[in-house]
Amino acid sequence: MRHNISGRKLGRNSTHKRAMMRNMATSLFRYGSIQTTLPKAKEIRPYAEKLITRAIDASLADIRIILSKLTDRKVAHHLVNEIAPNFKDRKGGYLRIVKLGQRKGDGAEMAIIELISDAGDKKEPKRRKKAKKETPEKGKDASAKSDVDLHEDHEKTHPREEQTKEHLTPGSKAEGTRRSSKPAKLSVPKQSSLNRGTSTPKTPPPSSQDK
């Protein structure tokens, strides 16, 4: 029974597990993120965060411990000189675990463990700017529209057939305002109206004396 023993065995003995943790931490600091199973990601997180905490202080004893926990000296110098200075103002929480779901085949839960970049986290999400609606000033609405626009609006609201009925029906207000395509018939005045007030000489009937 494993009472008061923290950590996961991960199906390995102590030496195998220790070598695996060193390799995973080295790859994590070299590439910035690695993809592994979720239990391994949870196990490597405290291991790597303790190394980052020691790299922030960067004393001689801390550097020697970091070299013993990693497998590559170049990665250890990269951790002390480049990665650790970015976390000076941060107290813990240097890594992030992102779940990816189950792996095909054995169904193991996969995850990505990566370093947190302070510069990317501090940026606020961009918000889309709403386009301002152009509101025309009062008193300029009538003058803004031209005669062509008014004619087009009238054409849309009133079809051609309704316009002809509206303008050509007798008794309507718009009577006579719209001309038809046919030429208008000229009204010839009667002869009586032309000869009104004038007298025309009438020829007398032939008399019997002329015979």
Protein backbone atom coordinates (compact mmCIF):
# COMPACT_ATOMS: atom_id res chain seq x y z
CA MET A 1 0.00 0.00 0.00
CA ARG A 2 1.37 3.40 -1.03
CA HIS A 3 0.42 5.61 1.88
CA ASN A 4 1.73 9.21 1.94
CA ILE A 5 3.50 8.77 -1.38
CA SER A 6 2.70 11.52 -3.85
CA GLY A 7 3.01 11.37 -7.62
CA ARG A 8 2.13 8.88 -10.30
CA LYS A 9 4.11 5.76 -11.12
CA LEU A 10 3.07 5.88 -14.80
CA GLY A 11 3.86 2.15 -15.13
CA ARG A 12 7.61 2.68 -14.63
CA ASN A 13 10.17 2.15 -11.91
CA SER A 14 11.90 5.09 -10.22
CA THR A 15 14.94 5.33 -12.49
CA HIS A 16 12.89 5.03 -15.66
CA LYS A 17 10.45 7.66 -14.46
CA ARG A 18 13.28 10.04 -13.48
CA ALA A 19 14.89 9.75 -16.92
CA MET A 20 11.52 10.32 -18.59
CA MET A 21 10.93 13.50 -16.55
CA ARG A 22 14.36 14.87 -17.48
CA ASN A 23 13.76 14.24 -21.18
CA MET A 24 10.29 15.78 -21.14
CA ALA A 25 11.47 18.90 -19.25
CA THR A 26 14.35 19.36 -21.67
CA SER A 27 12.04 19.15 -24.68
CA LEU A 28 9.57 21.53 -23.02
CA PHE A 29 12.18 24.27 -22.48
CA ARG A 30 13.72 23.68 -25.91
CA TYR A 31 10.52 23.96 -27.98
CA GLY A 32 8.21 25.87 -25.62
CA SER A 33 5.47 23.21 -25.73
CA ILE A 34 5.10 19.46 -26.07
CA GLN A 35 2.22 17.07 -26.72
CA THR A 36 1.82 14.11 -24.40
CA THR A 37 -0.79 12.22 -22.42
CA LEU A 38 -2.76 14.07 -19.76
CA PRO A 39 -1.31 12.17 -16.73
CA LYS A 40 2.25 12.83 -17.95
CA ALA A 41 1.45 16.51 -18.51
CA LYS A 42 0.10 16.82 -14.95
CA GLU A 43 3.20 15.08 -13.61
CA ILE A 44 5.74 17.19 -15.52
CA ARG A 45 4.12 20.50 -14.63
CA PRO A 46 5.36 20.84 -11.02
CA TYR A 47 8.72 19.40 -12.04
CA ALA A 48 9.28 22.10 -14.70
CA GLU A 49 7.81 24.96 -12.66
CA LYS A 50 10.27 24.33 -9.82
CA LEU A 51 13.13 24.58 -12.31
CA ILE A 52 11.79 27.93 -13.59
CA THR A 53 11.58 29.24 -10.01
CA ARG A 54 15.22 28.30 -9.42
CA ALA A 55 16.25 29.87 -12.76
CA ILE A 56 14.71 33.21 -11.72
CA ASP A 57 17.06 33.51 -8.73
CA ALA A 58 19.93 32.07 -10.82
CA SER A 59 22.42 31.47 -7.99
CA LEU A 60 25.35 29.09 -8.52
CA ALA A 61 23.68 26.32 -6.52
CA ASP A 62 20.44 26.76 -8.48
CA ILE A 63 22.26 26.53 -11.80
CA ARG A 64 23.95 23.30 -10.74
CA ILE A 65 20.61 21.79 -9.71
CA ILE A 66 19.09 22.81 -13.06
CA LEU A 67 21.96 21.17 -14.92
CA SER A 68 21.38 17.96 -13.00
CA LYS A 69 17.62 17.98 -13.78
CA LEU A 70 18.05 18.47 -17.54
CA THR A 71 19.91 16.51 -20.17
CA ASP A 72 21.26 19.40 -22.29
CA ARG A 73 23.49 22.23 -21.04
CA LYS A 74 22.42 24.56 -23.85
CA VAL A 75 18.77 24.20 -22.84
CA ALA A 76 19.74 24.94 -19.21
CA HIS A 77 21.46 28.18 -20.25
CA HIS A 78 18.47 29.04 -22.43
CA LEU A 79 16.20 28.57 -19.41
CA VAL A 80 18.31 30.79 -17.15
CA ASN A 81 19.11 33.56 -19.65
CA GLU A 82 15.97 33.83 -21.82
CA ILE A 83 12.95 32.04 -20.33
CA ALA A 84 13.29 32.87 -16.62
CA PRO A 85 13.59 36.71 -17.04
CA ASN A 86 10.10 36.76 -18.60
CA PHE A 87 8.60 35.41 -15.36
CA LYS A 88 10.29 37.70 -12.81
CA ASP A 89 7.04 39.51 -12.03
CA ARG A 90 4.99 36.31 -11.93
CA LYS A 91 4.63 34.11 -8.87
CA GLY A 92 3.93 30.59 -10.06
CA GLY A 93 1.69 29.34 -12.83
CA TYR A 94 4.30 29.33 -15.58
CA LEU A 95 2.77 26.48 -17.61
CA ARG A 96 -0.59 25.81 -19.22
CA ILE A 97 -2.25 22.46 -20.00
CA VAL A 98 -4.67 22.26 -22.93
CA LYS A 99 -6.73 19.08 -23.32
CA LEU A 100 -6.98 17.60 -26.82
CA GLY A 101 -9.35 14.69 -26.30
CA GLN A 102 -8.81 10.96 -26.70
CA ARG A 103 -6.18 9.39 -28.91
CA LYS A 104 -7.22 6.95 -31.61
CA GLY A 105 -6.27 3.37 -30.88
CA ASP A 106 -5.94 3.13 -27.09
CA GLY A 107 -8.26 6.05 -26.23
CA ALA A 108 -5.68 7.79 -24.02
CA GLU A 109 -6.44 11.41 -23.14
CA MET A 110 -3.99 13.73 -24.88
CA ALA A 111 -2.91 17.24 -23.87
CA ILE A 112 -0.47 20.01 -24.75
CA ILE A 113 1.67 21.59 -22.02
CA GLU A 114 3.20 24.94 -22.93
CA LEU A 115 4.86 27.99 -21.45
CA ILE A 116 2.67 31.00 -20.73
CA SER A 117 3.74 34.15 -22.54
CA ASP A 118 2.96 37.22 -20.46
CA ALA A 119 3.00 39.48 -23.51
CA GLY A 120 0.24 37.47 -25.19
CA ASP A 121 -1.89 37.09 -22.05
CA LYS A 122 -1.92 40.77 -21.20
CA LYS A 123 -3.36 41.76 -24.55
CA GLU A 124 -7.05 42.39 -24.41
CA PRO A 125 -9.24 40.76 -27.03
CA LYS A 126 -9.92 43.01 -29.96
CA ARG A 127 -13.46 44.27 -30.15
CA ARG A 128 -15.14 44.98 -33.39
CA LYS A 129 -15.96 48.60 -33.84
CA LYS A 130 -19.56 49.22 -34.71
CA ALA A 131 -20.04 51.29 -37.81
CA LYS A 132 -21.62 54.62 -36.99
CA LYS A 133 -24.82 55.33 -38.81
CA GLU A 134 -24.67 58.54 -40.78
CA THR A 135 -27.46 60.80 -39.56
CA PRO A 136 -28.12 63.71 -41.93
CA GLU A 137 -28.67 67.07 -40.36
CA LYS A 138 -32.16 68.38 -39.95
CA GLY A 139 -33.39 70.69 -42.66
CA LYS A 140 -31.16 69.06 -45.29
CA ASP A 141 -33.19 65.91 -45.89
CA ALA A 142 -35.39 67.45 -48.57
CA SER A 143 -32.54 69.19 -50.37
CA ALA A 144 -30.25 66.15 -50.20
CA LYS A 145 -32.40 64.13 -52.60
CA SER A 146 -32.32 65.16 -56.19
CA ASP A 147 -35.21 65.09 -58.63
CA VAL A 148 -33.94 61.84 -60.12
CA ASP A 149 -33.98 60.13 -56.72
CA LEU A 150 -37.50 61.33 -56.04
CA HIS A 151 -38.63 60.04 -59.42
CA GLU A 152 -37.04 56.63 -58.75
CA ASP A 153 -38.71 56.41 -55.33
CA HIS A 154 -42.04 57.22 -56.94
CA GLU A 155 -41.48 54.55 -59.60
CA LYS A 156 -40.78 51.92 -56.89
CA THR A 157 -43.79 52.71 -54.74
CA HIS A 158 -46.22 53.20 -57.65
CA PRO A 159 -46.09 50.75 -60.56
CA ARG A 160 -46.57 51.97 -64.12
CA GLU A 161 -50.19 50.80 -64.36
CA GLU A 162 -51.21 52.52 -61.13
CA GLN A 163 -49.53 55.72 -62.26
CA THR A 164 -51.50 55.81 -65.50
CA LYS A 165 -54.75 55.11 -63.68
CA GLU A 166 -53.99 57.77 -61.12
CA HIS A 167 -53.10 60.47 -63.62
CA LEU A 168 -55.65 59.70 -66.36
CA THR A 169 -58.84 58.97 -64.43
CA PRO A 170 -61.28 61.84 -64.67
CA GLY A 171 -61.95 63.76 -61.52
CA SER A 172 -58.62 62.96 -59.87
CA LYS A 173 -56.34 65.65 -58.56
CA ALA A 174 -53.60 64.67 -60.94
CA GLU A 175 -55.81 64.77 -64.01
CA GLY A 176 -54.04 66.25 -66.98
CA THR A 177 -50.62 66.24 -65.32
CA ARG A 178 -49.47 63.15 -67.22
CA ARG A 179 -49.53 63.18 -71.00
CA SER A 180 -50.47 60.08 -72.90
CA SER A 181 -48.46 58.73 -75.78
CA LYS A 182 -51.28 59.23 -78.27
CA PRO A 183 -51.57 62.68 -79.90
CA ALA A 184 -54.46 64.74 -78.65
CA LYS A 185 -57.41 65.24 -81.01
CA LEU A 186 -58.01 68.83 -82.08
CA SER A 187 -61.52 69.99 -81.40
CA VAL A 188 -62.95 71.78 -84.46
CA PRO A 189 -65.43 74.48 -83.44
CA LYS A 190 -68.85 74.37 -84.94
CA GLN A 191 -69.76 76.70 -87.72
CA SER A 192 -72.45 78.35 -85.73
CA SER A 193 -69.95 79.44 -83.12
CA LEU A 194 -67.68 80.92 -85.77
CA ASN A 195 -70.49 82.85 -87.45
CA ARG A 196 -71.97 84.04 -84.21
CA GLY A 197 -72.66 87.83 -84.33
CA THR A 198 -72.06 88.15 -88.07
CA SER A 199 -74.71 88.32 -90.76
CA THR A 200 -74.22 86.61 -94.09
CA PRO A 201 -76.17 87.86 -97.14
CA LYS A 202 -78.69 85.42 -98.35
CA THR A 203 -79.36 85.07 -102.06
CA PRO A 204 -83.00 85.89 -102.85
CA PRO A 205 -85.01 83.26 -104.57
CA PRO A 206 -85.46 83.69 -108.28
CA SER A 207 -88.47 85.80 -109.12
CA SER A 208 -90.99 84.99 -111.72
CA GLN A 209 -90.14 88.14 -113.73
CA ASP A 210 -86.72 86.80 -114.68
CA LYS A 211 -88.33 83.97 -116.48
